[in-house]
Amino acid sequence: MPVITCIDDLKLIYARRTPRMFYDYCESGSWTEQTFRENTSDFSEILLRQRIAVDMSNRSTATQMIGQEVAMPVALAPVGLTGMQCADGEIKAAKAAETFGVPYTLSTMSICSIEDVAENTSKPFWMQVYTLKDDDFMQRLFDRAKAANCSAAVITVDLQVLGQRHKDLKNGLSAPPKLTVKSVANMMTKVHWGLGMLGTKRRFFGNIVGHAKGVSDPSSLSTWTAEAFDEALDWDRIRAFRKMWDGPLIIKGIIDPRDALEALNVGADAIIVSNHGGRQLDGALSAIRALPQIMDAVGDKIEVHLDSGIRSGQDVLKAVALGAKGTYIGRAYVYGLGAMGEAGVTKALEVIHKELDVSMAFCGHRDIKGVDRDILMIPRDFSDRWQ
């Protein structure tokens, strides 16, 4: 294994080993990609306060997310098409997360199915669902998640319509992908990736094909995808989904304090402050800038997590210090997966954990549960400079 010192090291290997259309799918945002960039760059405006001559021994990053024990306040975010980044990608990522002791969240738009992941892991994972029109499909999806012993459901609420991602359109990246001469030629240069894909039977959307009405094969998937998402989604509809699932529920896609309060009212157990990784509304507030005002709005009435922009353990530390009980990594673990499969996901988690652990110590803390805003130096207008 090459020497990996940071997530960017994995990203460089990922870029070499993964077909361009799938690399671009991961490494892109909507329209100008302003929000995609600021999700990461805004973390750099928050500085850490170093302390010295404090006992740094016997440190612990262990905590809980929605009552579940985790090795650090990090979960693997739901990422569609993970099984095209690397053969059986969802299974490999879930196994790495299980071994490390953090939650794995399976996307509805995964290549491997709920059942595939359940058969290859021994601990419960989380299931992400979209807000779709088809009640029958939604109920059966929740039922399948329950049968697979999923311990939480994550409802993504910011995808009523699809933000335009220029790179995906140019690459023909859709559901299913539209292969072009250029994309096929590029795939042929990725020998390791190609051998992996030839060796697996899982190449299509395992949670959709054969489960959604009228979708019996990949050719019928595009029509279903175009019609499935509910543009009329409102909070009453989300309450209906809450009734379909009686386990812990997390609502993902909150970026405004008013929506955080609405999520509290529908009975969610946690919310995820997220702008979909900058892939929906370009020009929206970065997740880390949105977090303080959301925390002010909901306090400790609901558990708050943060997604979008996490690329290091220091990012995790800053989010936790601002009040988040957990964070999610998406691109960071996909880089590892595309670079080195399951071992790469493990390496991504190890990198983030080490950065979190050491930075926490430098800030004068031995236990992540005791970290608060005192370790941060935050610009006065960081989250309220707008009228």
Protein backbone atom coordinates (compact mmCIF):
# COMPACT_ATOMS: atom_id res chain seq x y z
CA MET A 1 0.00 0.00 0.00
CA PRO A 2 1.36 3.49 -0.84
CA VAL A 3 1.99 5.93 2.01
CA ILE A 4 -1.31 7.71 2.69
CA THR A 5 -1.04 10.82 4.85
CA CYS A 6 -4.35 12.55 4.10
CA ILE A 7 -7.60 12.17 2.18
CA ASP A 8 -6.12 14.01 -0.81
CA ASP A 9 -3.58 11.19 -1.22
CA LEU A 10 -6.47 8.77 -1.69
CA LYS A 11 -8.15 11.19 -4.09
CA LEU A 12 -5.08 11.19 -6.38
CA ILE A 13 -5.08 7.39 -6.61
CA TYR A 14 -8.86 7.37 -7.06
CA ALA A 15 -8.56 9.75 -10.02
CA ARG A 16 -6.10 7.40 -11.73
CA ARG A 17 -8.02 4.17 -11.16
CA THR A 18 -11.66 5.11 -11.68
CA PRO A 19 -13.42 5.83 -15.00
CA ARG A 20 -13.78 9.54 -15.61
CA MET A 21 -17.59 9.57 -15.66
CA PHE A 22 -17.77 8.07 -12.16
CA TYR A 23 -14.95 10.27 -10.85
CA ASP A 24 -16.81 13.33 -12.16
CA TYR A 25 -20.06 12.07 -10.61
CA CYS A 26 -18.37 12.10 -7.23
CA GLU A 27 -16.23 15.20 -7.66
CA SER A 28 -18.78 17.71 -8.88
CA GLY A 29 -21.51 20.06 -7.79
CA SER A 30 -24.38 21.80 -9.52
CA TRP A 31 -24.07 24.77 -11.90
CA THR A 32 -21.00 26.90 -10.98
CA GLU A 33 -20.06 24.59 -8.08
CA GLN A 34 -19.80 27.53 -5.67
CA THR A 35 -21.52 25.69 -2.82
CA PHE A 36 -19.56 22.51 -3.60
CA ARG A 37 -16.30 24.46 -3.10
CA GLU A 38 -17.43 26.49 -0.09
CA ASN A 39 -18.59 23.38 1.78
CA THR A 40 -14.90 22.59 2.23
CA SER A 41 -13.23 26.02 2.10
CA ASP A 42 -15.48 27.53 4.79
CA PHE A 43 -14.04 25.13 7.37
CA SER A 44 -10.70 26.92 7.00
CA GLU A 45 -12.19 30.17 8.35
CA ILE A 46 -12.67 28.51 11.74
CA LEU A 47 -9.44 28.28 13.71
CA LEU A 48 -8.55 25.89 16.53
CA ARG A 49 -7.37 27.10 19.92
CA GLN A 50 -4.27 25.21 21.08
CA ARG A 51 -3.69 24.45 24.76
CA ILE A 52 -0.49 23.19 26.38
CA ALA A 53 0.58 21.45 29.58
CA VAL A 54 -2.61 19.42 29.81
CA ASP A 55 -2.88 15.67 30.27
CA MET A 56 -3.30 14.15 26.80
CA SER A 57 -3.18 10.49 27.82
CA ASN A 58 -6.00 7.92 27.54
CA ARG A 59 -7.92 9.76 24.85
CA SER A 60 -11.28 8.63 23.49
CA THR A 61 -13.17 9.60 20.36
CA ALA A 62 -15.98 7.15 21.14
CA THR A 63 -19.49 8.57 21.44
CA GLN A 64 -23.07 7.88 20.32
CA MET A 65 -25.14 8.78 17.27
CA ILE A 66 -28.92 8.33 17.77
CA GLY A 67 -28.15 6.14 20.77
CA GLN A 68 -25.76 3.82 18.91
CA GLU A 69 -22.18 3.43 20.04
CA VAL A 70 -19.66 4.71 17.47
CA ALA A 71 -15.87 4.71 17.46
CA MET A 72 -15.91 8.39 16.46
CA PRO A 73 -18.68 10.85 15.53
CA VAL A 74 -18.55 9.89 11.86
CA ALA A 75 -20.89 7.86 9.64
CA LEU A 76 -20.53 6.90 6.00
CA ALA A 77 -23.05 9.01 4.06
CA PRO A 78 -25.43 7.55 1.48
CA VAL A 79 -23.81 7.80 -1.95
CA GLY A 80 -25.59 6.64 -5.08
CA LEU A 81 -23.78 4.48 -7.66
CA THR A 82 -21.12 3.43 -5.14
CA GLY A 83 -21.01 0.01 -6.75
CA MET A 84 -19.81 1.65 -9.98
CA GLN A 85 -16.89 3.35 -8.24
CA CYS A 86 -15.63 -0.11 -7.36
CA ALA A 87 -17.17 -3.54 -7.91
CA ASP A 88 -19.51 -4.41 -5.01
CA GLY A 89 -18.66 -1.00 -3.59
CA GLU A 90 -21.55 -0.79 -1.13
CA ILE A 91 -20.66 -4.15 0.38
CA LYS A 92 -16.99 -3.22 0.72
CA ALA A 93 -17.76 0.15 2.28
CA ALA A 94 -20.25 -1.38 4.72
CA LYS A 95 -17.76 -4.03 5.79
CA ALA A 96 -15.04 -1.42 6.39
CA ALA A 97 -17.44 0.73 8.43
CA GLU A 98 -18.56 -2.26 10.48
CA THR A 99 -14.99 -3.28 11.30
CA PHE A 100 -14.04 0.28 12.22
CA GLY A 101 -17.12 0.81 14.37
CA VAL A 102 -18.99 3.57 12.54
CA PRO A 103 -22.42 3.52 10.85
CA TYR A 104 -22.81 2.83 7.15
CA THR A 105 -25.76 4.39 5.27
CA LEU A 106 -26.93 2.59 2.14
CA SER A 107 -28.42 4.74 -0.65
CA THR A 108 -31.67 3.76 -2.32
CA MET A 109 -29.83 4.39 -5.62
CA SER A 110 -27.14 1.86 -4.76
CA ILE A 111 -25.87 -0.84 -7.09
CA CYS A 112 -25.86 -3.52 -4.38
CA SER A 113 -29.26 -4.10 -2.79
CA ILE A 114 -30.30 -3.91 0.84
CA GLU A 115 -30.26 -7.70 0.91
CA ASP A 116 -26.78 -7.85 -0.66
CA VAL A 117 -25.33 -5.65 2.08
CA ALA A 118 -27.20 -7.48 4.85
CA GLU A 119 -25.92 -10.86 3.63
CA ASN A 120 -22.33 -9.65 3.72
CA THR A 121 -22.30 -7.85 7.06
CA SER A 122 -23.10 -8.90 10.60
CA LYS A 123 -24.14 -5.60 12.24
CA PRO A 124 -27.09 -3.31 11.48
CA PHE A 125 -26.59 -0.50 8.98
CA TRP A 126 -28.72 2.54 8.12
CA MET A 127 -30.99 2.85 5.08
CA GLN A 128 -31.44 6.08 3.14
CA VAL A 129 -34.70 6.65 1.25
CA TYR A 130 -35.91 9.36 -1.11
CA THR A 131 -39.32 11.03 -0.99
CA LEU A 132 -40.97 9.16 -3.85
CA LYS A 133 -44.57 9.23 -5.06
CA ASP A 134 -45.20 5.49 -4.99
CA ASP A 135 -46.50 4.61 -1.52
CA ASP A 136 -46.39 0.89 -2.27
CA PHE A 137 -42.72 1.03 -3.25
CA MET A 138 -41.87 3.23 -0.25
CA GLN A 139 -43.61 0.93 2.24
CA ARG A 140 -41.93 -2.14 0.76
CA LEU A 141 -38.57 -0.36 0.86
CA PHE A 142 -39.04 0.40 4.56
CA ASP A 143 -40.20 -3.19 5.12
CA ARG A 144 -37.14 -4.56 3.31
CA ALA A 145 -34.92 -2.35 5.47
CA LYS A 146 -36.64 -3.66 8.60
CA ALA A 147 -36.23 -7.27 7.42
CA ALA A 148 -32.52 -6.59 6.83
CA ASN A 149 -32.26 -5.38 10.44
CA CYS A 150 -31.44 -1.79 9.48
CA SER A 151 -31.25 0.21 12.69
CA ALA A 152 -32.23 3.63 11.30
CA ALA A 153 -33.83 5.20 8.26
CA VAL A 154 -32.49 8.39 6.69
CA ILE A 155 -35.01 10.36 4.61
CA THR A 156 -33.43 12.71 2.07
CA VAL A 157 -35.74 15.71 1.67
CA ASP A 158 -33.76 18.00 -0.66
CA LEU A 159 -34.18 16.09 -3.94
CA GLN A 160 -37.70 16.93 -5.11
CA VAL A 161 -36.12 18.16 -8.34
CA LEU A 162 -32.62 17.44 -9.59
CA GLY A 163 -29.95 20.14 -9.57
CA GLN A 164 -28.12 20.40 -12.89
CA ARG A 165 -24.62 18.97 -12.76
CA HIS A 166 -22.84 19.93 -15.95
CA LYS A 167 -20.26 17.14 -15.81
CA ASP A 168 -22.88 14.42 -15.48
CA LEU A 169 -24.77 15.72 -18.52
CA LYS A 170 -21.61 15.86 -20.61
CA ASN A 171 -20.55 12.37 -19.49
CA GLY A 172 -23.96 10.77 -20.00
CA LEU A 173 -24.16 9.92 -16.31
CA SER A 174 -27.79 9.07 -15.62
CA ALA A 175 -29.82 6.15 -14.29
CA PRO A 176 -28.83 3.99 -16.06
CA PRO A 177 -25.64 5.56 -17.48
CA LYS A 178 -25.66 6.40 -21.20
CA LEU A 179 -22.32 5.10 -22.45
CA THR A 180 -20.53 7.03 -25.17
CA VAL A 181 -17.52 6.14 -27.29
CA LYS A 182 -15.43 8.49 -25.17
CA SER A 183 -16.58 7.04 -21.83
CA VAL A 184 -16.14 3.44 -22.99
CA ALA A 185 -12.64 4.25 -24.28
CA ASN A 186 -11.77 5.74 -20.89
CA MET A 187 -13.16 2.70 -19.05
CA MET A 188 -10.94 0.44 -21.12
CA THR A 189 -7.86 2.15 -19.66
CA LYS A 190 -8.97 1.32 -16.09
CA VAL A 191 -7.93 -2.33 -16.09
CA HIS A 192 -8.23 -3.03 -12.35
CA TRP A 193 -11.69 -1.43 -12.25
CA GLY A 194 -12.79 -3.32 -15.34
CA LEU A 195 -11.68 -6.70 -14.02
CA GLY A 196 -13.60 -6.04 -10.83
CA MET A 197 -16.78 -5.17 -12.72
CA LEU A 198 -16.46 -8.26 -14.90
CA GLY A 199 -16.18 -10.37 -11.77
CA THR A 200 -19.40 -9.21 -10.13
CA LYS A 201 -23.05 -9.82 -10.97
CA ARG A 202 -24.06 -6.52 -9.34
CA ARG A 203 -24.01 -3.82 -12.01
CA PHE A 204 -27.49 -2.29 -11.85
CA PHE A 205 -29.63 -0.56 -9.23
CA GLY A 206 -30.35 -3.44 -6.88
CA ASN A 207 -32.97 -1.64 -4.78
CA ILE A 208 -34.96 -0.54 -7.83
CA VAL A 209 -34.75 -3.13 -10.64
CA GLY A 210 -37.20 -5.90 -9.88
CA HIS A 211 -38.75 -3.96 -6.99
CA ALA A 212 -40.27 -0.80 -8.50
CA LYS A 213 -43.45 -1.15 -10.53
CA GLY A 214 -42.65 -1.50 -14.23
CA VAL A 215 -38.87 -1.67 -13.71
CA SER A 216 -37.84 -5.18 -14.65
CA ASP A 217 -34.54 -4.34 -16.34
CA PRO A 218 -32.11 -1.41 -16.68
CA SER A 219 -33.74 -0.20 -19.91
CA SER A 220 -36.97 0.66 -18.07
CA LEU A 221 -35.17 2.43 -15.22
CA SER A 222 -34.80 5.87 -16.82
CA THR A 223 -38.56 6.33 -17.22
CA TRP A 224 -39.17 5.37 -13.60
CA THR A 225 -36.41 7.72 -12.37
CA ALA A 226 -37.86 10.66 -14.32
CA GLU A 227 -41.31 10.15 -12.79
CA ALA A 228 -40.63 8.77 -9.31
CA PHE A 229 -39.55 11.83 -7.32
CA ASP A 230 -42.34 13.79 -5.65
CA GLU A 231 -42.21 17.47 -6.57
CA ALA A 232 -45.28 18.06 -4.38
CA LEU A 233 -43.47 16.96 -1.21
CA ASP A 234 -44.56 18.79 1.93
CA TRP A 235 -44.30 18.20 5.67
CA ASP A 236 -47.57 16.25 5.76
CA ARG A 237 -46.05 13.85 3.24
CA ILE A 238 -42.99 13.49 5.46
CA ARG A 239 -45.31 12.70 8.38
CA ALA A 240 -46.77 9.90 6.26
CA PHE A 241 -43.30 8.47 5.74
CA ARG A 242 -42.75 8.68 9.50
CA LYS A 243 -45.73 6.38 9.96
CA MET A 244 -44.25 3.86 7.52
CA TRP A 245 -41.12 3.47 9.66
CA ASP A 246 -41.32 2.88 13.40
CA GLY A 247 -37.57 2.90 14.09
CA PRO A 248 -35.09 5.75 14.59
CA LEU A 249 -35.58 8.35 11.84
CA ILE A 250 -33.07 10.89 10.54
CA ILE A 251 -34.04 13.69 8.14
CA LYS A 252 -31.26 14.70 5.76
CA GLY A 253 -31.10 17.95 3.81
CA ILE A 254 -31.78 20.67 6.39
CA ILE A 255 -30.01 23.98 5.77
CA ASP A 256 -32.47 26.54 7.26
CA PRO A 257 -33.42 26.86 10.96
CA ARG A 258 -37.13 26.98 10.08
CA ASP A 259 -36.90 23.58 8.41
CA ALA A 260 -34.99 22.23 11.39
CA LEU A 261 -37.95 23.16 13.60
CA GLU A 262 -40.37 21.50 11.17
CA ALA A 263 -38.30 18.31 11.28
CA LEU A 264 -38.54 18.38 15.05
CA ASN A 265 -42.32 18.63 14.80
CA VAL A 266 -42.72 15.57 12.55
CA GLY A 267 -41.03 13.31 15.09
CA ALA A 268 -37.55 12.86 13.64
CA ASP A 269 -34.89 11.58 16.01
CA ALA A 270 -32.12 13.54 14.31
CA ILE A 271 -31.53 15.94 11.44
CA ILE A 272 -28.58 16.21 9.09
CA VAL A 273 -27.48 19.72 8.21
CA SER A 274 -26.67 19.19 4.54
CA ASN A 275 -26.92 20.84 1.14
CA HIS A 276 -26.46 17.52 -0.67
CA GLY A 277 -22.74 18.09 -1.01
CA GLY A 278 -23.34 21.16 -3.16
CA ARG A 279 -25.15 19.06 -5.78
CA GLN A 280 -28.59 20.69 -5.56
CA LEU A 281 -29.01 24.46 -5.03
CA ASP A 282 -25.80 26.19 -6.08
CA GLY A 283 -25.23 29.42 -4.21
CA ALA A 284 -26.70 27.96 -1.01
CA LEU A 285 -25.02 28.35 2.36
CA SER A 286 -22.29 25.86 3.18
CA ALA A 287 -23.30 23.27 5.77
CA ILE A 288 -20.76 24.42 8.36
CA ARG A 289 -21.95 28.05 8.09
CA ALA A 290 -25.57 26.94 8.47
CA LEU A 291 -24.86 24.82 11.55
CA PRO A 292 -24.60 27.57 14.27
CA GLN A 293 -28.00 29.11 13.54
CA ILE A 294 -29.65 25.70 13.36
CA MET A 295 -28.13 24.80 16.71
CA ASP A 296 -29.45 28.08 18.14
CA ALA A 297 -32.92 27.23 16.82
CA VAL A 298 -33.28 23.65 18.07
CA GLY A 299 -30.78 23.46 20.95
CA ASP A 300 -30.85 20.00 22.47
CA LYS A 301 -34.45 19.27 21.43
CA ILE A 302 -33.25 17.08 18.56
CA GLU A 303 -29.92 15.49 17.69
CA VAL A 304 -28.08 17.46 15.01
CA HIS A 305 -25.59 15.93 12.57
CA LEU A 306 -23.61 17.55 9.75
CA ASP A 307 -22.88 16.41 6.21
CA SER A 308 -21.28 18.18 3.21
CA GLY A 309 -17.65 19.21 3.14
CA ILE A 310 -16.02 16.89 5.69
CA ARG A 311 -12.56 15.99 4.37
CA SER A 312 -10.51 15.69 7.55
CA GLY A 313 -10.58 14.89 11.23
CA GLN A 314 -10.20 18.59 11.96
CA ASP A 315 -13.42 19.24 10.04
CA VAL A 316 -15.12 16.65 12.25
CA LEU A 317 -13.70 18.31 15.37
CA LYS A 318 -14.93 21.75 14.32
CA ALA A 319 -18.43 20.48 13.57
CA VAL A 320 -18.63 18.70 16.92
CA ALA A 321 -17.36 21.80 18.73
CA LEU A 322 -20.19 23.77 17.11
CA GLY A 323 -22.73 21.32 18.52
CA ALA A 324 -23.07 18.48 15.99
CA LYS A 325 -23.41 15.05 17.59
CA GLY A 326 -22.18 13.35 14.44
CA THR A 327 -20.83 13.98 10.96
CA TYR A 328 -20.93 12.15 7.62
CA ILE A 329 -18.26 11.51 5.03
CA GLY A 330 -19.25 10.79 1.43
CA ARG A 331 -16.59 11.81 -1.07
CA ALA A 332 -13.80 11.15 1.43
CA TYR A 333 -14.63 7.46 1.69
CA VAL A 334 -15.47 7.13 -2.03
CA TYR A 335 -11.93 8.31 -2.81
CA GLY A 336 -10.62 5.44 -0.69
CA LEU A 337 -13.05 2.95 -2.18
CA GLY A 338 -12.13 3.81 -5.76
CA ALA A 339 -8.44 3.85 -4.89
CA MET A 340 -8.13 0.60 -2.97
CA GLY A 341 -11.52 -0.98 -2.35
CA GLU A 342 -12.40 -1.97 1.21
CA ALA A 343 -8.84 -1.30 2.39
CA GLY A 344 -9.11 2.22 0.99
CA VAL A 345 -12.29 2.94 2.94
CA THR A 346 -10.57 1.67 6.07
CA LYS A 347 -7.59 3.93 5.34
CA ALA A 348 -9.88 6.94 4.89
CA LEU A 349 -11.43 6.24 8.29
CA GLU A 350 -8.01 5.77 9.88
CA VAL A 351 -6.77 9.08 8.45
CA ILE A 352 -9.80 10.99 9.71
CA HIS A 353 -9.65 9.30 13.10
CA LYS A 354 -5.97 10.12 13.60
CA GLU A 355 -6.49 13.76 12.61
CA LEU A 356 -9.48 14.00 14.95
CA ASP A 357 -7.69 12.35 17.86
CA VAL A 358 -4.45 14.34 17.65
CA SER A 359 -6.16 17.68 16.99
CA MET A 360 -8.49 17.09 19.95
CA ALA A 361 -5.46 16.50 22.15
CA PHE A 362 -3.73 19.68 20.96
CA CYS A 363 -6.91 21.56 21.88
CA GLY A 364 -6.66 20.25 25.45
CA HIS A 365 -9.27 17.50 25.43
CA ARG A 366 -9.07 13.75 26.03
CA ASP A 367 -12.73 12.88 25.38
CA ILE A 368 -14.69 13.94 22.30
CA LYS A 369 -17.84 14.20 24.41
CA GLY A 370 -16.32 17.14 26.30
CA VAL A 371 -15.40 19.21 23.24
CA ASP A 372 -17.28 22.52 22.87
CA ARG A 373 -16.99 25.95 21.24
CA ASP A 374 -14.20 26.94 23.62
CA ILE A 375 -11.69 25.20 21.32
CA LEU A 376 -12.69 27.36 18.36
CA MET A 377 -11.90 30.87 17.16
CA ILE A 378 -14.86 31.80 14.94
CA PRO A 379 -15.09 34.98 12.85
CA ARG A 380 -17.70 37.34 14.30
CA ASP A 381 -19.76 37.31 11.11
CA PHE A 382 -19.23 33.64 10.24
CA SER A 383 -22.90 32.66 10.13
CA ASP A 384 -24.86 35.92 10.33
CA ARG A 385 -23.28 38.30 7.83
CA TRP A 386 -26.39 38.27 5.61
CA GLN A 387 -29.53 40.39 6.03
